[in-house]
């Protein structure tokens, strides 16, 4: 009898407490919370309020939010440009002439026809454990709701020490016709980071004030701005924009905590090693499909999928709070990712 009680209690304990990474689906809010030891890591949002599924916010193990608040939860002293750059996302600027990258609620209705929407069809897998996996199916559609691409994405969330990982594998299939990914600088897998992780700048810009209203400054206060990009090839700062690299990391400080965010490319990806949209104002993205702007016209890639054909993209995102991670640590993670996925 005692043995039975012990087994039952162990089962209850494992069910309630044994899942380090727990995913909680909330169909009413159209979101999936990703919890690490009971605390928010990120939230997968697939509501029709957004033009594509996103991860927002994204937090470190120390509880620091690394994503910009605007336009969902605007904070004081943050930029209010590019309202389409929300959290972490995956889309592209020219899919057979349709712009999926720049679509947002800020686009006037008379211009909406030029933009596409990515809509979740169904969640395929929501599992918890030592790591958590979220798998879903979505469609990339135009203004007439024509299904241009079918997307199947798996995201695996994990944590080792204070290093958090998001491994994303996305399969895109040409659904109703041949699809042309016309060469564009606006893609593909990106994150928009908070003010502290931007790079210092002297250019005029608009920020929110105490009331959350826009305020334009000719001279910018860079006191809390600490960001710096570092590429696998040794480039730093604004020189990382447009370069090709296996990985890029962004380092800075938030409230005394050293922050490292890295995006790792995979050797199987089209365009490897990818070009980088690493902007000083906080856009951090890998773009394997756009080459013309990055090479000043020397190269051009217009990737094509015949109807029924598929392409797979694999990325790893690393989020760490504490002592800045070294280039060796990111390189080792790249080697692991390249060999294991």
C-alpha atoms as a PDB file:
ATOM      1  CA  UNK A   1       0.000   0.000   0.000  1.00  0.00           C
ATOM      2  CA  UNK A   2       2.805   2.411   0.950  1.00  0.00           C
ATOM      3  CA  UNK A   3       4.583   1.632  -2.330  1.00  0.00           C
ATOM      4  CA  UNK A   4       1.441   2.489  -4.286  1.00  0.00           C
ATOM      5  CA  UNK A   5       1.109   5.802  -2.420  1.00  0.00           C
ATOM      6  CA  UNK A   6       4.764   6.644  -3.110  1.00  0.00           C
ATOM      7  CA  UNK A   7       4.335   5.895  -6.833  1.00  0.00           C
ATOM      8  CA  UNK A   8       1.193   8.020  -7.022  1.00  0.00           C
ATOM      9  CA  UNK A   9       2.939  10.908  -5.249  1.00  0.00           C
ATOM     10  CA  UNK A  10       5.937  10.623  -7.587  1.00  0.00           C
ATOM     11  CA  UNK A  11       3.632  10.733 -10.614  1.00  0.00           C
ATOM     12  CA  UNK A  12       1.888  13.813  -9.236  1.00  0.00           C
ATOM     13  CA  UNK A  13       5.244  15.469  -8.540  1.00  0.00           C
ATOM     14  CA  UNK A  14       6.543  14.752 -12.059  1.00  0.00           C
ATOM     15  CA  UNK A  15       3.320  16.013 -13.603  1.00  0.00           C
ATOM     16  CA  UNK A  16       3.288  19.233 -11.612  1.00  0.00           C
ATOM     17  CA  UNK A  17       6.963  19.983 -11.118  1.00  0.00           C
ATOM     18  CA  UNK A  18       9.016  17.718 -13.357  1.00  0.00           C
ATOM     19  CA  UNK A  19       8.575  19.736 -16.535  1.00  0.00           C
ATOM     20  CA  UNK A  20      11.342  22.318 -16.680  1.00  0.00           C
ATOM     21  CA  UNK A  21       9.964  23.815 -19.904  1.00  0.00           C
ATOM     22  CA  UNK A  22       6.174  24.024 -19.834  1.00  0.00           C
ATOM     23  CA  UNK A  23       4.028  25.154 -22.766  1.00  0.00           C
ATOM     24  CA  UNK A  24       0.504  26.346 -21.961  1.00  0.00           C
ATOM     25  CA  UNK A  25      -1.923  26.772 -24.854  1.00  0.00           C
ATOM     26  CA  UNK A  26      -4.689  29.342 -24.367  1.00  0.00           C
ATOM     27  CA  UNK A  27      -7.063  29.072 -27.380  1.00  0.00           C
ATOM     28  CA  UNK A  28      -9.227  31.945 -26.146  1.00  0.00           C
ATOM     29  CA  UNK A  29      -6.303  34.365 -26.195  1.00  0.00           C
ATOM     30  CA  UNK A  30      -4.757  32.593 -29.211  1.00  0.00           C
ATOM     31  CA  UNK A  31      -1.395  32.239 -27.560  1.00  0.00           C
ATOM     32  CA  UNK A  32       0.970  29.668 -26.077  1.00  0.00           C
ATOM     33  CA  UNK A  33       2.988  30.606 -23.010  1.00  0.00           C
ATOM     34  CA  UNK A  34       6.486  29.169 -22.739  1.00  0.00           C
ATOM     35  CA  UNK A  35       7.494  28.854 -19.084  1.00  0.00           C
ATOM     36  CA  UNK A  36      10.885  27.919 -17.653  1.00  0.00           C
ATOM     37  CA  UNK A  37      10.656  26.730 -14.046  1.00  0.00           C
ATOM     38  CA  UNK A  38       7.319  28.527 -13.828  1.00  0.00           C
ATOM     39  CA  UNK A  39       8.545  31.887 -15.189  1.00  0.00           C
ATOM     40  CA  UNK A  40       7.781  33.377 -18.611  1.00  0.00           C
ATOM     41  CA  UNK A  41      10.419  32.794 -21.270  1.00  0.00           C
ATOM     42  CA  UNK A  42       8.259  33.954 -24.165  1.00  0.00           C
ATOM     43  CA  UNK A  43       4.713  33.876 -25.542  1.00  0.00           C
ATOM     44  CA  UNK A  44       3.804  32.576 -28.988  1.00  0.00           C
ATOM     45  CA  UNK A  45       1.030  34.844 -30.284  1.00  0.00           C
ATOM     46  CA  UNK A  46      -1.069  33.756 -33.254  1.00  0.00           C
ATOM     47  CA  UNK A  47      -4.037  36.091 -32.915  1.00  0.00           C
ATOM     48  CA  UNK A  48      -5.503  37.806 -35.978  1.00  0.00           C
ATOM     49  CA  UNK A  49      -4.397  41.039 -34.261  1.00  0.00           C
ATOM     50  CA  UNK A  50      -0.974  40.368 -35.793  1.00  0.00           C
ATOM     51  CA  UNK A  51      -0.059  39.988 -39.463  1.00  0.00           C
ATOM     52  CA  UNK A  52       2.126  36.979 -38.668  1.00  0.00           C
ATOM     53  CA  UNK A  53       2.756  34.682 -35.688  1.00  0.00           C
ATOM     54  CA  UNK A  54       5.282  36.182 -33.281  1.00  0.00           C
ATOM     55  CA  UNK A  55       7.168  35.479 -30.067  1.00  0.00           C
ATOM     56  CA  UNK A  56       6.620  38.372 -27.657  1.00  0.00           C
ATOM     57  CA  UNK A  57       7.970  39.233 -25.164  1.00  0.00           C
ATOM     58  CA  UNK A  58      11.271  37.347 -24.896  1.00  0.00           C
ATOM     59  CA  UNK A  59      12.947  37.200 -21.477  1.00  0.00           C
ATOM     60  CA  UNK A  60      16.330  36.061 -20.165  1.00  0.00           C
ATOM     61  CA  UNK A  61      16.804  33.651 -17.266  1.00  0.00           C
ATOM     62  CA  UNK A  62      17.354  36.723 -15.042  1.00  0.00           C
ATOM     63  CA  UNK A  63      13.987  38.123 -16.065  1.00  0.00           C
ATOM     64  CA  UNK A  64      15.277  40.869 -18.375  1.00  0.00           C
ATOM     65  CA  UNK A  65      12.995  41.564 -21.342  1.00  0.00           C
ATOM     66  CA  UNK A  66      15.112  41.867 -24.488  1.00  0.00           C
ATOM     67  CA  UNK A  67      12.372  42.755 -27.002  1.00  0.00           C
ATOM     68  CA  UNK A  68      11.126  46.251 -27.767  1.00  0.00           C
ATOM     69  CA  UNK A  69       7.685  47.043 -26.323  1.00  0.00           C
ATOM     70  CA  UNK A  70       6.247  49.041 -29.250  1.00  0.00           C
ATOM     71  CA  UNK A  71       3.682  48.592 -30.722  1.00  0.00           C
ATOM     72  CA  UNK A  72       2.167  46.109 -28.235  1.00  0.00           C
ATOM     73  CA  UNK A  73       3.295  47.545 -24.903  1.00  0.00           C
ATOM     74  CA  UNK A  74       5.062  50.847 -25.519  1.00  0.00           C
ATOM     75  CA  UNK A  75       7.587  51.888 -22.885  1.00  0.00           C
ATOM     76  CA  UNK A  76       9.172  55.232 -22.096  1.00  0.00           C
ATOM     77  CA  UNK A  77      12.182  56.274 -24.198  1.00  0.00           C
ATOM     78  CA  UNK A  78      11.876  53.721 -26.980  1.00  0.00           C
ATOM     79  CA  UNK A  79      11.708  54.132 -30.734  1.00  0.00           C
ATOM     80  CA  UNK A  80       8.305  53.974 -32.412  1.00  0.00           C
ATOM     81  CA  UNK A  81       9.502  53.334 -35.969  1.00  0.00           C
ATOM     82  CA  UNK A  82       8.848  50.208 -38.074  1.00  0.00           C
ATOM     83  CA  UNK A  83       5.640  48.979 -36.364  1.00  0.00           C
ATOM     84  CA  UNK A  84       5.942  45.681 -38.271  1.00  0.00           C
ATOM     85  CA  UNK A  85       9.077  44.755 -36.298  1.00  0.00           C
ATOM     86  CA  UNK A  86       7.462  43.026 -33.321  1.00  0.00           C
ATOM     87  CA  UNK A  87       9.160  40.516 -31.026  1.00  0.00           C
ATOM     88  CA  UNK A  88      10.658  37.595 -32.965  1.00  0.00           C
ATOM     89  CA  UNK A  89       9.248  36.727 -36.377  1.00  0.00           C
ATOM     90  CA  UNK A  90       9.842  34.957 -39.691  1.00  0.00           C
ATOM     91  CA  UNK A  91       8.708  36.413 -43.042  1.00  0.00           C
ATOM     92  CA  UNK A  92       9.958  38.014 -46.249  1.00  0.00           C
ATOM     93  CA  UNK A  93       9.643  41.266 -48.187  1.00  0.00           C
ATOM     94  CA  UNK A  94       8.854  39.992 -51.699  1.00  0.00           C
ATOM     95  CA  UNK A  95       7.032  36.709 -52.261  1.00  0.00           C
ATOM     96  CA  UNK A  96       5.855  36.786 -55.878  1.00  0.00           C
ATOM     97  CA  UNK A  97       5.428  40.545 -55.536  1.00  0.00           C
ATOM     98  CA  UNK A  98       3.633  40.416 -52.168  1.00  0.00           C
ATOM     99  CA  UNK A  99       5.257  42.114 -49.168  1.00  0.00           C
ATOM    100  CA  UNK A 100       4.957  40.038 -45.996  1.00  0.00           C
ATOM    101  CA  UNK A 101       7.735  41.837 -44.101  1.00  0.00           C
ATOM    102  CA  UNK A 102       6.306  45.359 -43.833  1.00  0.00           C
ATOM    103  CA  UNK A 103       2.650  44.583 -43.158  1.00  0.00           C
ATOM    104  CA  UNK A 104       1.202  46.054 -39.950  1.00  0.00           C
ATOM    105  CA  UNK A 105      -1.844  47.821 -38.599  1.00  0.00           C
ATOM    106  CA  UNK A 106      -0.214  51.096 -39.628  1.00  0.00           C
ATOM    107  CA  UNK A 107      -0.755  50.326 -43.341  1.00  0.00           C
ATOM    108  CA  UNK A 108      -3.760  52.295 -44.724  1.00  0.00           C
ATOM    109  CA  UNK A 109      -6.605  50.124 -46.007  1.00  0.00           C
ATOM    110  CA  UNK A 110      -6.204  51.454 -49.557  1.00  0.00           C
ATOM    111  CA  UNK A 111      -2.637  50.091 -49.646  1.00  0.00           C
ATOM    112  CA  UNK A 112      -3.266  46.747 -47.922  1.00  0.00           C
ATOM    113  CA  UNK A 113      -3.507  44.924 -51.261  1.00  0.00           C
ATOM    114  CA  UNK A 114       0.277  45.019 -51.625  1.00  0.00           C
ATOM    115  CA  UNK A 115       0.834  43.145 -48.393  1.00  0.00           C
ATOM    116  CA  UNK A 116       0.504  39.538 -47.305  1.00  0.00           C
ATOM    117  CA  UNK A 117      -0.571  37.876 -44.070  1.00  0.00           C
ATOM    118  CA  UNK A 118       0.615  34.709 -42.350  1.00  0.00           C
ATOM    119  CA  UNK A 119      -2.265  32.975 -40.588  1.00  0.00           C
ATOM    120  CA  UNK A 120      -1.994  29.997 -38.283  1.00  0.00           C
ATOM    121  CA  UNK A 121      -4.184  27.091 -39.406  1.00  0.00           C
ATOM    122  CA  UNK A 122      -3.607  24.760 -36.466  1.00  0.00           C
ATOM    123  CA  UNK A 123      -1.247  23.823 -33.685  1.00  0.00           C
ATOM    124  CA  UNK A 124       0.245  20.422 -34.467  1.00  0.00           C
ATOM    125  CA  UNK A 125       2.227  19.818 -31.292  1.00  0.00           C
ATOM    126  CA  UNK A 126       2.513  21.460 -27.880  1.00  0.00           C
ATOM    127  CA  UNK A 127       4.754  19.454 -25.536  1.00  0.00           C
ATOM    128  CA  UNK A 128       6.538  20.122 -22.257  1.00  0.00           C
ATOM    129  CA  UNK A 129       9.505  18.506 -20.532  1.00  0.00           C
ATOM    130  CA  UNK A 130      13.257  19.035 -20.289  1.00  0.00           C
ATOM    131  CA  UNK A 131      12.697  20.954 -23.519  1.00  0.00           C
ATOM    132  CA  UNK A 132       9.422  22.158 -24.961  1.00  0.00           C
ATOM    133  CA  UNK A 133       8.295  21.894 -28.568  1.00  0.00           C
ATOM    134  CA  UNK A 134       5.716  23.937 -30.416  1.00  0.00           C
ATOM    135  CA  UNK A 135       4.781  22.845 -33.914  1.00  0.00           C
ATOM    136  CA  UNK A 136       2.238  24.553 -36.130  1.00  0.00           C
ATOM    137  CA  UNK A 137       0.900  24.876 -39.665  1.00  0.00           C
ATOM    138  CA  UNK A 138       0.201  28.267 -41.250  1.00  0.00           C
ATOM    139  CA  UNK A 139      -0.542  29.799 -44.643  1.00  0.00           C
ATOM    140  CA  UNK A 140       1.010  32.800 -46.379  1.00  0.00           C
ATOM    141  CA  UNK A 141      -1.863  34.479 -48.225  1.00  0.00           C
ATOM    142  CA  UNK A 142      -2.398  37.527 -50.447  1.00  0.00           C
ATOM    143  CA  UNK A 143      -5.252  40.065 -50.408  1.00  0.00           C
ATOM    144  CA  UNK A 144      -7.576  37.556 -52.115  1.00  0.00           C
ATOM    145  CA  UNK A 145      -6.759  34.935 -49.468  1.00  0.00           C
ATOM    146  CA  UNK A 146      -4.891  32.889 -52.081  1.00  0.00           C
ATOM    147  CA  UNK A 147      -2.603  30.424 -50.343  1.00  0.00           C
ATOM    148  CA  UNK A 148       0.867  31.143 -51.716  1.00  0.00           C
ATOM    149  CA  UNK A 149       2.868  29.129 -49.175  1.00  0.00           C
ATOM    150  CA  UNK A 150       2.130  26.461 -46.611  1.00  0.00           C
ATOM    151  CA  UNK A 151       4.359  26.798 -43.574  1.00  0.00           C
ATOM    152  CA  UNK A 152       5.210  24.010 -41.149  1.00  0.00           C
ATOM    153  CA  UNK A 153       7.305  25.232 -38.245  1.00  0.00           C
ATOM    154  CA  UNK A 154       8.815  23.527 -35.228  1.00  0.00           C
ATOM    155  CA  UNK A 155      10.268  25.601 -32.384  1.00  0.00           C
ATOM    156  CA  UNK A 156      12.142  23.861 -29.584  1.00  0.00           C
ATOM    157  CA  UNK A 157      12.694  25.834 -26.377  1.00  0.00           C
ATOM    158  CA  UNK A 158      15.402  24.814 -23.917  1.00  0.00           C
ATOM    159  CA  UNK A 159      17.709  26.132 -21.217  1.00  0.00           C
ATOM    160  CA  UNK A 160      21.194  25.122 -20.063  1.00  0.00           C
ATOM    161  CA  UNK A 161      22.350  27.012 -17.017  1.00  0.00           C
ATOM    162  CA  UNK A 162      21.296  30.578 -17.795  1.00  0.00           C
ATOM    163  CA  UNK A 163      21.558  30.136 -21.548  1.00  0.00           C
ATOM    164  CA  UNK A 164      18.203  29.876 -23.309  1.00  0.00           C
ATOM    165  CA  UNK A 165      17.738  28.450 -26.787  1.00  0.00           C
ATOM    166  CA  UNK A 166      15.099  28.667 -29.497  1.00  0.00           C
ATOM    167  CA  UNK A 167      15.720  26.220 -32.341  1.00  0.00           C
ATOM    168  CA  UNK A 168      13.456  26.980 -35.280  1.00  0.00           C
ATOM    169  CA  UNK A 169      12.930  24.737 -38.309  1.00  0.00           C
ATOM    170  CA  UNK A 170      10.549  26.092 -40.942  1.00  0.00           C
ATOM    171  CA  UNK A 171       9.425  24.275 -44.076  1.00  0.00           C
ATOM    172  CA  UNK A 172       7.802  26.390 -46.803  1.00  0.00           C
ATOM    173  CA  UNK A 173       5.884  24.700 -49.627  1.00  0.00           C
ATOM    174  CA  UNK A 174       4.631  26.431 -52.778  1.00  0.00           C
ATOM    175  CA  UNK A 175       0.916  25.807 -52.392  1.00  0.00           C
ATOM    176  CA  UNK A 176      -1.142  27.025 -55.354  1.00  0.00           C
ATOM    177  CA  UNK A 177       1.428  28.189 -57.907  1.00  0.00           C
ATOM    178  CA  UNK A 178       5.135  28.662 -58.579  1.00  0.00           C
ATOM    179  CA  UNK A 179       6.596  31.040 -55.994  1.00  0.00           C
ATOM    180  CA  UNK A 180       9.356  33.605 -56.528  1.00  0.00           C
ATOM    181  CA  UNK A 181      11.299  34.949 -53.559  1.00  0.00           C
ATOM    182  CA  UNK A 182      12.467  38.040 -55.402  1.00  0.00           C
ATOM    183  CA  UNK A 183      15.739  39.427 -54.069  1.00  0.00           C
ATOM    184  CA  UNK A 184      14.919  41.744 -51.149  1.00  0.00           C
ATOM    185  CA  UNK A 185      16.887  43.110 -48.207  1.00  0.00           C
ATOM    186  CA  UNK A 186      13.848  42.603 -45.951  1.00  0.00           C
ATOM    187  CA  UNK A 187      13.908  39.141 -44.427  1.00  0.00           C
ATOM    188  CA  UNK A 188      13.900  36.557 -43.010  1.00  0.00           C
ATOM    189  CA  UNK A 189      14.304  35.580 -39.350  1.00  0.00           C
ATOM    190  CA  UNK A 190      14.540  38.526 -36.997  1.00  0.00           C
ATOM    191  CA  UNK A 191      14.110  40.167 -33.620  1.00  0.00           C
ATOM    192  CA  UNK A 192      13.602  43.808 -32.619  1.00  0.00           C
ATOM    193  CA  UNK A 193      15.462  44.544 -29.384  1.00  0.00           C
ATOM    194  CA  UNK A 194      14.906  47.104 -26.640  1.00  0.00           C
ATOM    195  CA  UNK A 195      16.630  50.479 -26.379  1.00  0.00           C
ATOM    196  CA  UNK A 196      19.552  49.371 -24.190  1.00  0.00           C
ATOM    197  CA  UNK A 197      20.698  46.870 -26.826  1.00  0.00           C
ATOM    198  CA  UNK A 198      20.785  49.356 -29.700  1.00  0.00           C
ATOM    199  CA  UNK A 199      24.072  50.815 -30.937  1.00  0.00           C
ATOM    200  CA  UNK A 200      24.880  54.449 -30.087  1.00  0.00           C
ATOM    201  CA  UNK A 201      23.738  56.909 -32.762  1.00  0.00           C
ATOM    202  CA  UNK A 202      23.838  60.648 -33.376  1.00  0.00           C
ATOM    203  CA  UNK A 203      20.999  60.713 -35.927  1.00  0.00           C
ATOM    204  CA  UNK A 204      17.717  62.504 -35.028  1.00  0.00           C
ATOM    205  CA  UNK A 205      14.947  60.100 -33.993  1.00  0.00           C
ATOM    206  CA  UNK A 206      11.511  59.920 -32.395  1.00  0.00           C
ATOM    207  CA  UNK A 207      11.026  58.338 -28.964  1.00  0.00           C
ATOM    208  CA  UNK A 208       8.165  58.012 -26.496  1.00  0.00           C
ATOM    209  CA  UNK A 209       7.944  60.394 -23.539  1.00  0.00           C
ATOM    210  CA  UNK A 210       6.542  59.905 -20.007  1.00  0.00           C
ATOM    211  CA  UNK A 211       3.008  59.786 -21.407  1.00  0.00           C
ATOM    212  CA  UNK A 212       3.879  57.340 -24.153  1.00  0.00           C
ATOM    213  CA  UNK A 213       3.555  60.073 -26.798  1.00  0.00           C
ATOM    214  CA  UNK A 214       6.062  60.615 -29.628  1.00  0.00           C
ATOM    215  CA  UNK A 215       8.831  63.129 -29.111  1.00  0.00           C
ATOM    216  CA  UNK A 216      11.405  63.941 -31.806  1.00  0.00           C
ATOM    217  CA  UNK A 217      14.954  64.720 -30.732  1.00  0.00           C
ATOM    218  CA  UNK A 218      17.673  66.234 -32.911  1.00  0.00           C
ATOM    219  CA  UNK A 219      20.290  64.996 -30.456  1.00  0.00           C
ATOM    220  CA  UNK A 220      19.860  61.517 -28.994  1.00  0.00           C
ATOM    221  CA  UNK A 221      20.690  60.566 -25.407  1.00  0.00           C
ATOM    222  CA  UNK A 222      22.803  57.395 -25.639  1.00  0.00           C
ATOM    223  CA  UNK A 223      23.438  57.041 -21.903  1.00  0.00           C
ATOM    224  CA  UNK A 224      21.752  53.627 -21.555  1.00  0.00           C
ATOM    225  CA  UNK A 225      22.649  52.392 -25.070  1.00  0.00           C
ATOM    226  CA  UNK A 226      25.231  49.608 -24.844  1.00  0.00           C
ATOM    227  CA  UNK A 227      24.789  47.332 -27.869  1.00  0.00           C
ATOM    228  CA  UNK A 228      27.515  45.910 -30.100  1.00  0.00           C
ATOM    229  CA  UNK A 229      27.295  43.353 -32.913  1.00  0.00           C
ATOM    230  CA  UNK A 230      30.054  40.750 -33.325  1.00  0.00           C
ATOM    231  CA  UNK A 231      30.168  38.383 -36.303  1.00  0.00           C
ATOM    232  CA  UNK A 232      31.749  34.941 -36.644  1.00  0.00           C
ATOM    233  CA  UNK A 233      34.221  36.556 -39.083  1.00  0.00           C
ATOM    234  CA  UNK A 234      35.403  39.143 -36.538  1.00  0.00           C
ATOM    235  CA  UNK A 235      33.480  42.218 -37.704  1.00  0.00           C
ATOM    236  CA  UNK A 236      31.922  44.486 -35.084  1.00  0.00           C
ATOM    237  CA  UNK A 237      29.380  47.274 -34.678  1.00  0.00           C
ATOM    238  CA  UNK A 238      27.699  48.754 -37.730  1.00  0.00           C
ATOM    239  CA  UNK A 239      30.225  46.960 -39.966  1.00  0.00           C
ATOM    240  CA  UNK A 240      28.244  43.746 -39.406  1.00  0.00           C
ATOM    241  CA  UNK A 241      25.343  45.036 -41.523  1.00  0.00           C
ATOM    242  CA  UNK A 242      25.299  43.284 -44.943  1.00  0.00           C
ATOM    243  CA  UNK A 243      28.217  40.970 -44.096  1.00  0.00           C
ATOM    244  CA  UNK A 244      28.084  37.201 -44.564  1.00  0.00           C
ATOM    245  CA  UNK A 245      28.684  35.123 -41.444  1.00  0.00           C
ATOM    246  CA  UNK A 246      27.817  31.790 -39.851  1.00  0.00           C
ATOM    247  CA  UNK A 247      26.500  33.602 -36.810  1.00  0.00           C
ATOM    248  CA  UNK A 248      26.218  37.048 -35.286  1.00  0.00           C
ATOM    249  CA  UNK A 249      25.814  37.976 -31.650  1.00  0.00           C
ATOM    250  CA  UNK A 250      24.521  41.190 -30.115  1.00  0.00           C
ATOM    251  CA  UNK A 251      25.895  42.117 -26.704  1.00  0.00           C
ATOM    252  CA  UNK A 252      24.916  44.852 -24.294  1.00  0.00           C
ATOM    253  CA  UNK A 253      23.722  45.499 -20.751  1.00  0.00           C
ATOM    254  CA  UNK A 254      20.277  45.813 -19.158  1.00  0.00           C
ATOM    255  CA  UNK A 255      20.055  46.969 -15.540  1.00  0.00           C
ATOM    256  CA  UNK A 256      23.574  45.749 -14.797  1.00  0.00           C
ATOM    257  CA  UNK A 257      23.110  42.365 -16.458  1.00  0.00           C
ATOM    258  CA  UNK A 258      25.303  41.463 -19.413  1.00  0.00           C
ATOM    259  CA  UNK A 259      23.092  40.367 -22.309  1.00  0.00           C
ATOM    260  CA  UNK A 260      24.073  38.177 -25.247  1.00  0.00           C
ATOM    261  CA  UNK A 261      21.690  37.421 -28.116  1.00  0.00           C
ATOM    262  CA  UNK A 262      22.981  35.282 -30.967  1.00  0.00           C
ATOM    263  CA  UNK A 263      21.393  34.064 -34.182  1.00  0.00           C
ATOM    264  CA  UNK A 264      23.055  31.036 -35.741  1.00  0.00           C
ATOM    265  CA  UNK A 265      22.736  30.086 -39.404  1.00  0.00           C
ATOM    266  CA  UNK A 266      22.758  26.444 -40.548  1.00  0.00           C
ATOM    267  CA  UNK A 267      24.933  24.997 -43.365  1.00  0.00           C
ATOM    268  CA  UNK A 268      21.841  23.415 -44.954  1.00  0.00           C
ATOM    269  CA  UNK A 269      20.151  26.792 -45.466  1.00  0.00           C
ATOM    270  CA  UNK A 270      19.846  28.495 -48.846  1.00  0.00           C
ATOM    271  CA  UNK A 271      22.412  31.285 -49.158  1.00  0.00           C
ATOM    272  CA  UNK A 272      24.658  29.991 -46.360  1.00  0.00           C
ATOM    273  CA  UNK A 273      26.469  31.776 -44.845  1.00  0.00           C
ATOM    274  CA  UNK A 274      23.666  34.295 -44.682  1.00  0.00           C
ATOM    275  CA  UNK A 275      23.780  38.074 -45.051  1.00  0.00           C
ATOM    276  CA  UNK A 276      22.851  40.045 -41.934  1.00  0.00           C
ATOM    277  CA  UNK A 277      20.346  42.851 -41.404  1.00  0.00           C
ATOM    278  CA  UNK A 278      22.080  44.005 -38.225  1.00  0.00           C
ATOM    279  CA  UNK A 279      20.871  47.571 -37.777  1.00  0.00           C
ATOM    280  CA  UNK A 280      22.044  49.917 -35.045  1.00  0.00           C
ATOM    281  CA  UNK A 281      18.462  50.932 -34.207  1.00  0.00           C
ATOM    282  CA  UNK A 282      17.665  47.436 -32.922  1.00  0.00           C
ATOM    283  CA  UNK A 283      16.704  45.273 -35.902  1.00  0.00           C
ATOM    284  CA  UNK A 284      18.682  42.023 -35.806  1.00  0.00           C
ATOM    285  CA  UNK A 285      17.881  39.611 -38.650  1.00  0.00           C
ATOM    286  CA  UNK A 286      19.370  36.909 -40.868  1.00  0.00           C
ATOM    287  CA  UNK A 287      18.480  37.203 -44.569  1.00  0.00           C
ATOM    288  CA  UNK A 288      19.678  34.363 -46.837  1.00  0.00           C
ATOM    289  CA  UNK A 289      17.448  35.336 -49.765  1.00  0.00           C
ATOM    290  CA  UNK A 290      18.495  38.944 -50.372  1.00  0.00           C
ATOM    291  CA  UNK A 291      21.919  39.603 -51.869  1.00  0.00           C
ATOM    292  CA  UNK A 292      21.636  42.524 -54.293  1.00  0.00           C
ATOM    293  CA  UNK A 293      21.564  45.339 -51.717  1.00  0.00           C
ATOM    294  CA  UNK A 294      24.114  43.659 -49.468  1.00  0.00           C
ATOM    295  CA  UNK A 295      26.645  43.215 -52.303  1.00  0.00           C
ATOM    296  CA  UNK A 296      25.918  46.593 -53.945  1.00  0.00           C
ATOM    297  CA  UNK A 297      24.561  44.857 -57.032  1.00  0.00           C
ATOM    298  CA  UNK A 298      27.430  42.413 -57.544  1.00  0.00           C
ATOM    299  CA  UNK A 299      25.226  39.401 -56.757  1.00  0.00           C
ATOM    300  CA  UNK A 300      21.509  38.702 -56.930  1.00  0.00           C
ATOM    301  CA  UNK A 301      19.432  35.762 -55.706  1.00  0.00           C
ATOM    302  CA  UNK A 302      15.872  35.270 -56.934  1.00  0.00           C
ATOM    303  CA  UNK A 303      14.982  31.975 -55.298  1.00  0.00           C
ATOM    304  CA  UNK A 304      12.177  29.978 -56.897  1.00  0.00           C
ATOM    305  CA  UNK A 305       9.904  27.165 -55.727  1.00  0.00           C
ATOM    306  CA  UNK A 306       7.882  25.271 -58.310  1.00  0.00           C
ATOM    307  CA  UNK A 307       4.336  24.436 -57.216  1.00  0.00           C
ATOM    308  CA  UNK A 308       4.536  21.595 -54.695  1.00  0.00           C
ATOM    309  CA  UNK A 309       8.247  22.104 -53.999  1.00  0.00           C
ATOM    310  CA  UNK A 310       9.538  22.887 -50.511  1.00  0.00           C
ATOM    311  CA  UNK A 311      12.482  24.590 -48.861  1.00  0.00           C
ATOM    312  CA  UNK A 312      13.614  24.285 -45.232  1.00  0.00           C
ATOM    313  CA  UNK A 313      15.254  26.954 -43.076  1.00  0.00           C
ATOM    314  CA  UNK A 314      16.974  26.211 -39.749  1.00  0.00           C
ATOM    315  CA  UNK A 315      18.002  28.782 -37.154  1.00  0.00           C
ATOM    316  CA  UNK A 316      19.101  28.825 -33.534  1.00  0.00           C
ATOM    317  CA  UNK A 317      18.609  31.841 -31.276  1.00  0.00           C
ATOM    318  CA  UNK A 318      20.587  32.100 -28.038  1.00  0.00           C
ATOM    319  CA  UNK A 319      19.510  34.377 -25.178  1.00  0.00           C
ATOM    320  CA  UNK A 320      21.782  34.812 -22.169  1.00  0.00           C
ATOM    321  CA  UNK A 321      21.930  37.106 -19.144  1.00  0.00           C
ATOM    322  CA  UNK A 322      24.998  37.387 -16.922  1.00  0.00           C
ATOM    323  CA  UNK A 323      28.592  37.529 -18.063  1.00  0.00           C
ATOM    324  CA  UNK A 324      28.755  38.081 -21.831  1.00  0.00           C
ATOM    325  CA  UNK A 325      29.183  34.848 -23.767  1.00  0.00           C
ATOM    326  CA  UNK A 326      32.460  34.447 -25.656  1.00  0.00           C
ATOM    327  CA  UNK A 327      32.873  33.954 -29.396  1.00  0.00           C
ATOM    328  CA  UNK A 328      34.164  30.454 -28.602  1.00  0.00           C
ATOM    329  CA  UNK A 329      30.931  29.578 -26.789  1.00  0.00           C
ATOM    330  CA  UNK A 330      28.826  30.771 -29.736  1.00  0.00           C
ATOM    331  CA  UNK A 331      31.072  28.925 -32.189  1.00  0.00           C
ATOM    332  CA  UNK A 332      30.674  25.713 -30.174  1.00  0.00           C
ATOM    333  CA  UNK A 333      26.901  26.140 -30.242  1.00  0.00           C
ATOM    334  CA  UNK A 334      27.091  26.638 -34.007  1.00  0.00           C
ATOM    335  CA  UNK A 335      29.043  23.382 -34.353  1.00  0.00           C
ATOM    336  CA  UNK A 336      26.502  21.546 -32.192  1.00  0.00           C
ATOM    337  CA  UNK A 337      23.572  22.986 -34.122  1.00  0.00           C
ATOM    338  CA  UNK A 338      25.147  22.176 -37.493  1.00  0.00           C
ATOM    339  CA  UNK A 339      25.816  18.550 -36.521  1.00  0.00           C
ATOM    340  CA  UNK A 340      22.676  17.771 -34.521  1.00  0.00           C
ATOM    341  CA  UNK A 341      19.843  19.405 -36.483  1.00  0.00           C
END
